[in-house]
Amino acid sequence: MKPFIDAHAHLVHNFDSRHLDEVAESGLVKQVWLLPLECYVPEFEFAGNDEVLEVGKRYPGLFVPFGYIDFFQGPDQVDRLKERGFVGLKAIRPPKDYNDPAYFPIYARAEELEMPVLFHVGIISHRRQDQLTIPVPPGPAHMKPSMLDTLGDLFPKLKLVQGHLGVPWVNELFESVFYYRNISCTVTGLVDYDWLIHNLDRRTSYGESFSDRLMFACDGFYGRPEFWKRILSLAEFTRMFFQEVGKTYSWHDAEERFMLENARRLFPEFAALGEK
């Protein structure tokens, strides 16, 4: 199996350190962008900021630690996350729209500190209020892909990442990628493969292929062997998608860029982490 970069992943609470050692030694995954999920109650066993940062420091350059944005706090949290060692930010389940002006100071500080923000967009797992640690409404209404267009305009130096394709508003992703150089996308979760087939070879308004703005990811959980098997299976499936489905399309030769090279090119600051 060829190596890949997993540009959207999570960590289980009370992870198995020995298993993470095996993942690191496998050489199959070159980098993992590790996203905390502090919005869920402990029963779900999703790791939060502390454990994500611990793993990021233990495996520098391999596991890239993102810090969870608390939309109930102000922009000072970005400074604190940066000082602790986080290199990116994770946005999910905001109480208002992502592009509500109340959040602009958070994004402005992220831009100043050069911390990319990965946003969950589109369909999201169904959770009752008692399963969340924050008082937010259910569903994805505050997390539409087009909301990032506003931010792409207002914060042109801030790297914005669409986490998922934004189903059921996947065509909003088209506009984001078409117009904004600072918006890219990790393709994971509920994937609209029909959309990918017909759009991977589209061109942006500045002449770049859509296939150069999209990145492979699993949205899986690291820290236990059973999850690792699923991650490897999905990586192999995605390569076969490019090889077998893509052989009759012009994007068939984008496999390596999608699986590995785009993440390195678009986020060289992450690739340099292991060199510090």
C-alpha atoms as a PDB file:
ATOM      1  CA  MET A   1       0.000   0.000   0.000  1.00  0.00           C
ATOM      2  CA  LYS A   2       1.229   3.477  -0.875  1.00  0.00           C
ATOM      3  CA  PRO A   3       1.519   6.080   1.918  1.00  0.00           C
ATOM      4  CA  PHE A   4      -1.000   8.875   2.366  1.00  0.00           C
ATOM      5  CA  ILE A   5      -1.767  11.957   4.460  1.00  0.00           C
ATOM      6  CA  ASP A   6      -4.936  11.824   6.545  1.00  0.00           C
ATOM      7  CA  ALA A   7      -6.030  15.456   6.601  1.00  0.00           C
ATOM      8  CA  HIS A   8      -9.036  15.055   8.903  1.00  0.00           C
ATOM      9  CA  ALA A   9      -8.940  12.632  11.822  1.00  0.00           C
ATOM     10  CA  HIS A  10      -9.727  12.225  15.506  1.00  0.00           C
ATOM     11  CA  LEU A  11      -8.329  10.470  18.558  1.00  0.00           C
ATOM     12  CA  VAL A  12     -10.003   8.136  21.021  1.00  0.00           C
ATOM     13  CA  HIS A  13      -9.955   8.955  24.713  1.00  0.00           C
ATOM     14  CA  ASN A  14      -7.510   6.790  26.666  1.00  0.00           C
ATOM     15  CA  PHE A  15      -5.742   5.837  23.451  1.00  0.00           C
ATOM     16  CA  ASP A  16      -3.436   2.828  23.142  1.00  0.00           C
ATOM     17  CA  SER A  17       0.109   4.266  23.018  1.00  0.00           C
ATOM     18  CA  ARG A  18       1.573   1.031  21.731  1.00  0.00           C
ATOM     19  CA  HIS A  19      -0.813   1.078  18.810  1.00  0.00           C
ATOM     20  CA  LEU A  20       0.123   4.660  17.968  1.00  0.00           C
ATOM     21  CA  ASP A  21       3.750   3.515  17.946  1.00  0.00           C
ATOM     22  CA  GLU A  22       2.790   0.841  15.406  1.00  0.00           C
ATOM     23  CA  VAL A  23       1.023   3.434  13.240  1.00  0.00           C
ATOM     24  CA  ALA A  24       4.080   5.682  13.378  1.00  0.00           C
ATOM     25  CA  GLU A  25       6.418   2.832  12.467  1.00  0.00           C
ATOM     26  CA  SER A  26       4.226   1.515   9.630  1.00  0.00           C
ATOM     27  CA  GLY A  27       5.243   4.247   7.201  1.00  0.00           C
ATOM     28  CA  LEU A  28       1.765   4.037   5.642  1.00  0.00           C
ATOM     29  CA  VAL A  29       0.499   7.365   6.903  1.00  0.00           C
ATOM     30  CA  LYS A  30       2.884  10.283   6.504  1.00  0.00           C
ATOM     31  CA  GLN A  31       0.839  12.755   8.518  1.00  0.00           C
ATOM     32  CA  VAL A  32      -2.442  12.946  10.435  1.00  0.00           C
ATOM     33  CA  TRP A  33      -4.296  16.171  11.176  1.00  0.00           C
ATOM     34  CA  LEU A  34      -5.692  15.419  14.610  1.00  0.00           C
ATOM     35  CA  LEU A  35      -8.920  17.224  15.591  1.00  0.00           C
ATOM     36  CA  PRO A  36     -10.341  17.332  19.143  1.00  0.00           C
ATOM     37  CA  LEU A  37     -14.061  16.932  19.838  1.00  0.00           C
ATOM     38  CA  GLU A  38     -14.702  18.723  23.096  1.00  0.00           C
ATOM     39  CA  CYS A  39     -18.353  19.348  22.260  1.00  0.00           C
ATOM     40  CA  TYR A  40     -19.360  15.773  23.127  1.00  0.00           C
ATOM     41  CA  VAL A  41     -19.863  14.243  26.571  1.00  0.00           C
ATOM     42  CA  PRO A  42     -17.125  11.859  27.843  1.00  0.00           C
ATOM     43  CA  GLU A  43     -19.268   8.767  27.228  1.00  0.00           C
ATOM     44  CA  PHE A  44     -18.466   8.988  23.525  1.00  0.00           C
ATOM     45  CA  GLU A  45     -14.730   8.580  24.271  1.00  0.00           C
ATOM     46  CA  PHE A  46     -13.664  11.349  21.901  1.00  0.00           C
ATOM     47  CA  ALA A  47     -10.360  12.933  22.868  1.00  0.00           C
ATOM     48  CA  GLY A  48     -10.241  16.652  23.558  1.00  0.00           C
ATOM     49  CA  ASN A  49      -7.506  19.271  23.404  1.00  0.00           C
ATOM     50  CA  ASP A  50      -5.251  17.818  26.113  1.00  0.00           C
ATOM     51  CA  GLU A  51      -4.869  14.355  24.638  1.00  0.00           C
ATOM     52  CA  VAL A  52      -4.599  15.632  21.061  1.00  0.00           C
ATOM     53  CA  LEU A  53      -1.773  17.938  22.108  1.00  0.00           C
ATOM     54  CA  GLU A  54      -0.063  15.138  24.029  1.00  0.00           C
ATOM     55  CA  VAL A  55      -0.011  12.948  20.931  1.00  0.00           C
ATOM     56  CA  GLY A  56       1.076  15.850  18.731  1.00  0.00           C
ATOM     57  CA  LYS A  57       4.088  16.487  20.964  1.00  0.00           C
ATOM     58  CA  ARG A  58       4.910  12.803  21.258  1.00  0.00           C
ATOM     59  CA  TYR A  59       4.967  12.344  17.477  1.00  0.00           C
ATOM     60  CA  PRO A  60       6.049  15.733  16.045  1.00  0.00           C
ATOM     61  CA  GLY A  61       5.486  16.006  12.335  1.00  0.00           C
ATOM     62  CA  LEU A  62       3.280  12.908  12.231  1.00  0.00           C
ATOM     63  CA  PHE A  63       0.255  13.934  14.300  1.00  0.00           C
ATOM     64  CA  VAL A  64      -0.615  17.601  13.732  1.00  0.00           C
ATOM     65  CA  PRO A  65      -2.536  18.963  16.755  1.00  0.00           C
ATOM     66  CA  PHE A  66      -5.537  21.216  16.115  1.00  0.00           C
ATOM     67  CA  GLY A  67      -7.193  23.075  18.992  1.00  0.00           C
ATOM     68  CA  TYR A  68     -10.945  23.148  19.532  1.00  0.00           C
ATOM     69  CA  ILE A  69     -12.622  26.550  19.065  1.00  0.00           C
ATOM     70  CA  ASP A  70     -15.048  27.367  21.860  1.00  0.00           C
ATOM     71  CA  PHE A  71     -17.488  29.777  20.194  1.00  0.00           C
ATOM     72  CA  PHE A  72     -18.672  30.894  23.618  1.00  0.00           C
ATOM     73  CA  GLN A  73     -15.242  32.401  24.285  1.00  0.00           C
ATOM     74  CA  GLY A  74     -13.398  35.323  22.730  1.00  0.00           C
ATOM     75  CA  PRO A  75     -10.289  35.579  20.530  1.00  0.00           C
ATOM     76  CA  ASP A  76      -7.863  35.278  23.470  1.00  0.00           C
ATOM     77  CA  GLN A  77      -8.409  31.523  23.343  1.00  0.00           C
ATOM     78  CA  VAL A  78      -6.515  31.451  20.045  1.00  0.00           C
ATOM     79  CA  ASP A  79      -3.446  32.924  21.730  1.00  0.00           C
ATOM     80  CA  ARG A  80      -3.653  30.346  24.514  1.00  0.00           C
ATOM     81  CA  LEU A  81      -3.964  27.463  22.070  1.00  0.00           C
ATOM     82  CA  LYS A  82      -1.016  28.741  20.045  1.00  0.00           C
ATOM     83  CA  GLU A  83       1.129  29.121  23.162  1.00  0.00           C
ATOM     84  CA  ARG A  84       0.338  25.558  24.222  1.00  0.00           C
ATOM     85  CA  GLY A  85       1.567  24.171  20.906  1.00  0.00           C
ATOM     86  CA  PHE A  86      -1.493  23.769  18.696  1.00  0.00           C
ATOM     87  CA  VAL A  87      -0.858  24.647  15.052  1.00  0.00           C
ATOM     88  CA  GLY A  88      -4.406  24.710  13.693  1.00  0.00           C
ATOM     89  CA  LEU A  89      -7.986  25.160  14.881  1.00  0.00           C
ATOM     90  CA  LYS A  90     -11.082  22.954  14.661  1.00  0.00           C
ATOM     91  CA  ALA A  91     -14.538  24.531  14.245  1.00  0.00           C
ATOM     92  CA  ILE A  92     -17.734  22.550  14.799  1.00  0.00           C
ATOM     93  CA  ARG A  93     -21.284  23.081  16.142  1.00  0.00           C
ATOM     94  CA  PRO A  94     -21.356  26.886  16.482  1.00  0.00           C
ATOM     95  CA  PRO A  95     -24.404  28.390  18.221  1.00  0.00           C
ATOM     96  CA  LYS A  96     -24.647  30.916  15.332  1.00  0.00           C
ATOM     97  CA  ASP A  97     -23.671  30.788  11.657  1.00  0.00           C
ATOM     98  CA  TYR A  98     -19.951  30.379  11.016  1.00  0.00           C
ATOM     99  CA  ASN A  99     -19.930  33.769   9.296  1.00  0.00           C
ATOM    100  CA  ASP A 100     -21.718  35.623  12.081  1.00  0.00           C
ATOM    101  CA  PRO A 101     -19.800  38.857  12.847  1.00  0.00           C
ATOM    102  CA  ALA A 102     -19.604  37.809  16.511  1.00  0.00           C
ATOM    103  CA  TYR A 103     -16.920  35.294  15.505  1.00  0.00           C
ATOM    104  CA  PHE A 104     -14.838  37.614  13.323  1.00  0.00           C
ATOM    105  CA  PRO A 105     -12.400  38.483  16.159  1.00  0.00           C
ATOM    106  CA  ILE A 106     -11.608  34.767  16.558  1.00  0.00           C
ATOM    107  CA  TYR A 107     -10.840  34.398  12.858  1.00  0.00           C
ATOM    108  CA  ALA A 108      -8.863  37.642  12.792  1.00  0.00           C
ATOM    109  CA  ARG A 109      -6.635  36.382  15.582  1.00  0.00           C
ATOM    110  CA  ALA A 110      -6.206  33.029  13.840  1.00  0.00           C
ATOM    111  CA  GLU A 111      -5.130  34.903  10.713  1.00  0.00           C
ATOM    112  CA  GLU A 112      -2.621  36.980  12.689  1.00  0.00           C
ATOM    113  CA  LEU A 113      -1.148  33.882  14.339  1.00  0.00           C
ATOM    114  CA  GLU A 114      -1.182  31.908  11.058  1.00  0.00           C
ATOM    115  CA  MET A 115      -3.341  29.099  12.422  1.00  0.00           C
ATOM    116  CA  PRO A 116      -5.427  27.379   9.700  1.00  0.00           C
ATOM    117  CA  VAL A 117      -9.032  26.623  10.620  1.00  0.00           C
ATOM    118  CA  LEU A 118     -10.762  23.374   9.641  1.00  0.00           C
ATOM    119  CA  PHE A 119     -14.567  23.732   9.676  1.00  0.00           C
ATOM    120  CA  HIS A 120     -17.072  20.921   9.839  1.00  0.00           C
ATOM    121  CA  VAL A 121     -19.545  21.702   7.046  1.00  0.00           C
ATOM    122  CA  GLY A 122     -22.786  19.995   6.092  1.00  0.00           C
ATOM    123  CA  ILE A 123     -24.494  16.962   7.543  1.00  0.00           C
ATOM    124  CA  ILE A 124     -23.504  16.110  11.093  1.00  0.00           C
ATOM    125  CA  SER A 125     -24.183  13.179  13.403  1.00  0.00           C
ATOM    126  CA  HIS A 126     -27.483  13.330  15.259  1.00  0.00           C
ATOM    127  CA  ARG A 127     -26.996  14.105  18.949  1.00  0.00           C
ATOM    128  CA  ARG A 128     -29.433  14.996  21.689  1.00  0.00           C
ATOM    129  CA  GLN A 129     -28.712  18.079  23.763  1.00  0.00           C
ATOM    130  CA  ASP A 130     -27.779  15.927  26.758  1.00  0.00           C
ATOM    131  CA  GLN A 131     -25.047  14.331  24.632  1.00  0.00           C
ATOM    132  CA  LEU A 132     -23.353  17.682  24.037  1.00  0.00           C
ATOM    133  CA  THR A 133     -21.257  19.817  26.354  1.00  0.00           C
ATOM    134  CA  ILE A 134     -22.513  23.048  24.769  1.00  0.00           C
ATOM    135  CA  PRO A 135     -26.034  24.479  24.281  1.00  0.00           C
ATOM    136  CA  VAL A 136     -26.409  24.472  20.486  1.00  0.00           C
ATOM    137  CA  PRO A 137     -29.292  23.515  18.194  1.00  0.00           C
ATOM    138  CA  PRO A 138     -29.182  20.141  16.407  1.00  0.00           C
ATOM    139  CA  GLY A 139     -28.427  19.761  12.721  1.00  0.00           C
ATOM    140  CA  PRO A 140     -26.075  21.502  10.270  1.00  0.00           C
ATOM    141  CA  ALA A 141     -27.973  24.772   9.658  1.00  0.00           C
ATOM    142  CA  HIS A 142     -25.154  26.932  11.092  1.00  0.00           C
ATOM    143  CA  MET A 143     -22.456  25.023   9.177  1.00  0.00           C
ATOM    144  CA  LYS A 144     -23.161  25.562   5.466  1.00  0.00           C
ATOM    145  CA  PRO A 145     -20.132  25.565   3.109  1.00  0.00           C
ATOM    146  CA  SER A 146     -20.996  28.961   1.581  1.00  0.00           C
ATOM    147  CA  MET A 147     -20.509  30.616   4.964  1.00  0.00           C
ATOM    148  CA  LEU A 148     -16.770  30.209   4.480  1.00  0.00           C
ATOM    149  CA  ASP A 149     -16.922  32.407   1.378  1.00  0.00           C
ATOM    150  CA  THR A 150     -17.554  35.396   3.631  1.00  0.00           C
ATOM    151  CA  LEU A 151     -14.504  34.498   5.673  1.00  0.00           C
ATOM    152  CA  GLY A 152     -12.419  33.898   2.569  1.00  0.00           C
ATOM    153  CA  ASP A 153     -13.089  37.489   1.551  1.00  0.00           C
ATOM    154  CA  LEU A 154     -12.628  39.108   4.943  1.00  0.00           C
ATOM    155  CA  PHE A 155      -9.556  37.119   5.983  1.00  0.00           C
ATOM    156  CA  PRO A 156      -7.608  36.467   2.767  1.00  0.00           C
ATOM    157  CA  LYS A 157      -4.444  35.318   4.576  1.00  0.00           C
ATOM    158  CA  LEU A 158      -6.298  32.798   6.748  1.00  0.00           C
ATOM    159  CA  LYS A 159      -6.235  29.241   5.429  1.00  0.00           C
ATOM    160  CA  LEU A 160      -9.767  27.845   5.575  1.00  0.00           C
ATOM    161  CA  VAL A 161     -10.495  24.144   5.171  1.00  0.00           C
ATOM    162  CA  GLN A 162     -13.894  22.645   4.452  1.00  0.00           C
ATOM    163  CA  GLY A 163     -14.084  19.473   6.544  1.00  0.00           C
ATOM    164  CA  HIS A 164     -16.266  17.124   4.418  1.00  0.00           C
ATOM    165  CA  LEU A 165     -17.964  18.020   1.149  1.00  0.00           C
ATOM    166  CA  GLY A 166     -20.828  19.886   2.781  1.00  0.00           C
ATOM    167  CA  VAL A 167     -23.570  17.414   1.835  1.00  0.00           C
ATOM    168  CA  PRO A 168     -26.431  18.260   1.161  1.00  0.00           C
ATOM    169  CA  TRP A 169     -25.067  21.640  -0.006  1.00  0.00           C
ATOM    170  CA  VAL A 170     -22.163  20.182  -1.952  1.00  0.00           C
ATOM    171  CA  ASN A 171     -22.541  22.648  -4.837  1.00  0.00           C
ATOM    172  CA  GLU A 172     -21.755  25.459  -2.419  1.00  0.00           C
ATOM    173  CA  LEU A 173     -18.324  23.888  -2.160  1.00  0.00           C
ATOM    174  CA  PHE A 174     -17.961  24.438  -5.905  1.00  0.00           C
ATOM    175  CA  GLU A 175     -18.223  28.197  -5.445  1.00  0.00           C
ATOM    176  CA  SER A 176     -15.803  28.225  -2.508  1.00  0.00           C
ATOM    177  CA  VAL A 177     -13.119  26.313  -4.380  1.00  0.00           C
ATOM    178  CA  PHE A 178     -13.794  28.171  -7.641  1.00  0.00           C
ATOM    179  CA  TYR A 179     -13.254  31.674  -6.272  1.00  0.00           C
ATOM    180  CA  TYR A 180     -11.091  31.492  -3.147  1.00  0.00           C
ATOM    181  CA  ARG A 181      -7.435  30.557  -3.123  1.00  0.00           C
ATOM    182  CA  ASN A 182      -7.448  30.271   0.668  1.00  0.00           C
ATOM    183  CA  ILE A 183     -10.239  27.654   0.808  1.00  0.00           C
ATOM    184  CA  SER A 184      -9.510  23.951   0.357  1.00  0.00           C
ATOM    185  CA  CYS A 185     -11.392  20.795   1.327  1.00  0.00           C
ATOM    186  CA  THR A 186     -10.782  17.464   3.048  1.00  0.00           C
ATOM    187  CA  VAL A 187     -12.952  14.859   1.331  1.00  0.00           C
ATOM    188  CA  THR A 188     -14.309  12.575   4.020  1.00  0.00           C
ATOM    189  CA  GLY A 189     -17.429  11.491   5.862  1.00  0.00           C
ATOM    190  CA  LEU A 190     -20.518  11.247   3.659  1.00  0.00           C
ATOM    191  CA  VAL A 191     -18.885  11.557   0.227  1.00  0.00           C
ATOM    192  CA  ASP A 192     -20.870  12.491  -2.876  1.00  0.00           C
ATOM    193  CA  TYR A 193     -18.860  10.444  -5.359  1.00  0.00           C
ATOM    194  CA  ASP A 194     -21.063  11.485  -8.266  1.00  0.00           C
ATOM    195  CA  TRP A 195     -20.118  15.121  -7.534  1.00  0.00           C
ATOM    196  CA  LEU A 196     -16.436  14.193  -7.391  1.00  0.00           C
ATOM    197  CA  ILE A 197     -16.562  12.326 -10.676  1.00  0.00           C
ATOM    198  CA  HIS A 198     -18.001  15.319 -12.501  1.00  0.00           C
ATOM    199  CA  ASN A 199     -16.022  18.056 -10.752  1.00  0.00           C
ATOM    200  CA  LEU A 200     -12.492  16.836 -10.035  1.00  0.00           C
ATOM    201  CA  ASP A 201     -11.292  18.144 -13.392  1.00  0.00           C
ATOM    202  CA  ARG A 202     -13.082  21.504 -13.190  1.00  0.00           C
ATOM    203  CA  ARG A 203     -10.931  24.636 -13.166  1.00  0.00           C
ATOM    204  CA  THR A 204     -10.980  27.430 -10.615  1.00  0.00           C
ATOM    205  CA  SER A 205     -11.366  31.087 -11.599  1.00  0.00           C
ATOM    206  CA  TYR A 206      -7.577  31.384 -11.315  1.00  0.00           C
ATOM    207  CA  GLY A 207      -6.851  28.315 -13.456  1.00  0.00           C
ATOM    208  CA  GLU A 208      -6.079  25.606 -10.889  1.00  0.00           C
ATOM    209  CA  SER A 209      -7.673  22.166 -11.100  1.00  0.00           C
ATOM    210  CA  PHE A 210     -10.265  21.303  -8.461  1.00  0.00           C
ATOM    211  CA  SER A 211      -8.292  18.106  -7.913  1.00  0.00           C
ATOM    212  CA  ASP A 212      -5.467  20.292  -6.568  1.00  0.00           C
ATOM    213  CA  ARG A 213      -7.722  21.914  -3.922  1.00  0.00           C
ATOM    214  CA  LEU A 214      -9.087  18.682  -2.426  1.00  0.00           C
ATOM    215  CA  MET A 215      -7.343  16.347   0.026  1.00  0.00           C
ATOM    216  CA  PHE A 216      -7.848  12.784   1.186  1.00  0.00           C
ATOM    217  CA  ALA A 217      -9.010  12.142   4.750  1.00  0.00           C
ATOM    218  CA  CYS A 218     -10.757   9.405   6.728  1.00  0.00           C
ATOM    219  CA  ASP A 219     -12.551  11.194   9.568  1.00  0.00           C
ATOM    220  CA  GLY A 220     -11.540   8.096  11.521  1.00  0.00           C
ATOM    221  CA  PHE A 221     -10.245   7.570  15.035  1.00  0.00           C
ATOM    222  CA  TYR A 222      -6.649   6.796  15.891  1.00  0.00           C
ATOM    223  CA  GLY A 223      -5.623   5.032  19.061  1.00  0.00           C
ATOM    224  CA  ARG A 224      -7.081   1.534  18.692  1.00  0.00           C
ATOM    225  CA  PRO A 225      -6.243  -1.270  16.214  1.00  0.00           C
ATOM    226  CA  GLU A 226      -9.812  -1.841  15.027  1.00  0.00           C
ATOM    227  CA  PHE A 227     -10.095   1.750  13.803  1.00  0.00           C
ATOM    228  CA  TRP A 228      -6.732   1.554  12.035  1.00  0.00           C
ATOM    229  CA  LYS A 229      -7.993  -1.302   9.858  1.00  0.00           C
ATOM    230  CA  ARG A 230     -10.896   0.847   8.708  1.00  0.00           C
ATOM    231  CA  ILE A 231      -8.587   3.758   7.888  1.00  0.00           C
ATOM    232  CA  LEU A 232      -6.326   1.575   5.743  1.00  0.00           C
ATOM    233  CA  SER A 233      -9.341   0.087   3.984  1.00  0.00           C
ATOM    234  CA  LEU A 234     -10.680   3.525   3.093  1.00  0.00           C
ATOM    235  CA  ALA A 235      -7.282   4.662   1.815  1.00  0.00           C
ATOM    236  CA  GLU A 236      -7.057   1.608  -0.429  1.00  0.00           C
ATOM    237  CA  PHE A 237     -10.617   2.130  -1.685  1.00  0.00           C
ATOM    238  CA  THR A 238      -9.897   5.761  -2.561  1.00  0.00           C
ATOM    239  CA  ARG A 239      -6.839   4.825  -4.580  1.00  0.00           C
ATOM    240  CA  MET A 240      -8.914   2.245  -6.455  1.00  0.00           C
ATOM    241  CA  PHE A 241     -11.535   4.938  -7.096  1.00  0.00           C
ATOM    242  CA  PHE A 242      -8.926   6.996  -8.944  1.00  0.00           C
ATOM    243  CA  GLN A 243      -7.471   4.009 -10.758  1.00  0.00           C
ATOM    244  CA  GLU A 244     -10.669   2.224 -11.826  1.00  0.00           C
ATOM    245  CA  VAL A 245     -13.348   4.911 -12.021  1.00  0.00           C
ATOM    246  CA  GLY A 246     -10.928   7.647 -12.989  1.00  0.00           C
ATOM    247  CA  LYS A 247      -9.368   5.788 -15.901  1.00  0.00           C
ATOM    248  CA  THR A 248     -12.033   7.152 -18.254  1.00  0.00           C
ATOM    249  CA  TYR A 249     -11.736  10.723 -16.926  1.00  0.00           C
ATOM    250  CA  SER A 250      -9.047  13.349 -17.194  1.00  0.00           C
ATOM    251  CA  TRP A 251      -8.536  13.355 -13.401  1.00  0.00           C
ATOM    252  CA  HIS A 252      -7.261   9.766 -13.294  1.00  0.00           C
ATOM    253  CA  ASP A 253      -3.683  11.010 -12.850  1.00  0.00           C
ATOM    254  CA  ALA A 254      -4.550  13.097  -9.737  1.00  0.00           C
ATOM    255  CA  GLU A 255      -4.391  10.160  -7.336  1.00  0.00           C
ATOM    256  CA  GLU A 256      -1.047  10.965  -5.735  1.00  0.00           C
ATOM    257  CA  ARG A 257      -1.839  14.665  -5.463  1.00  0.00           C
ATOM    258  CA  PHE A 258      -5.167  13.923  -3.809  1.00  0.00           C
ATOM    259  CA  MET A 259      -3.766  11.296  -1.416  1.00  0.00           C
ATOM    260  CA  LEU A 260      -0.532  13.021  -0.416  1.00  0.00           C
ATOM    261  CA  GLU A 261       0.901  15.946  -2.334  1.00  0.00           C
ATOM    262  CA  ASN A 262      -1.902  18.519  -2.061  1.00  0.00           C
ATOM    263  CA  ALA A 263      -1.770  18.548   1.733  1.00  0.00           C
ATOM    264  CA  ARG A 264       2.008  19.055   1.641  1.00  0.00           C
ATOM    265  CA  ARG A 265       1.805  21.810  -0.968  1.00  0.00           C
ATOM    266  CA  LEU A 266      -1.098  23.709   0.568  1.00  0.00           C
ATOM    267  CA  PHE A 267       0.182  23.394   4.157  1.00  0.00           C
ATOM    268  CA  PRO A 268       3.991  23.356   4.073  1.00  0.00           C
ATOM    269  CA  GLU A 269       4.024  24.651   7.658  1.00  0.00           C
ATOM    270  CA  PHE A 270       2.663  21.287   8.797  1.00  0.00           C
ATOM    271  CA  ALA A 271       5.234  19.339   6.805  1.00  0.00           C
ATOM    272  CA  ALA A 272       7.977  21.294   8.570  1.00  0.00           C
ATOM    273  CA  LEU A 273       6.818  20.371  12.091  1.00  0.00           C
ATOM    274  CA  GLY A 274       8.989  17.288  12.365  1.00  0.00           C
ATOM    275  CA  GLU A 275      12.079  19.280  11.452  1.00  0.00           C
ATOM    276  CA  LYS A 276      11.929  21.520  14.531  1.00  0.00           C
END
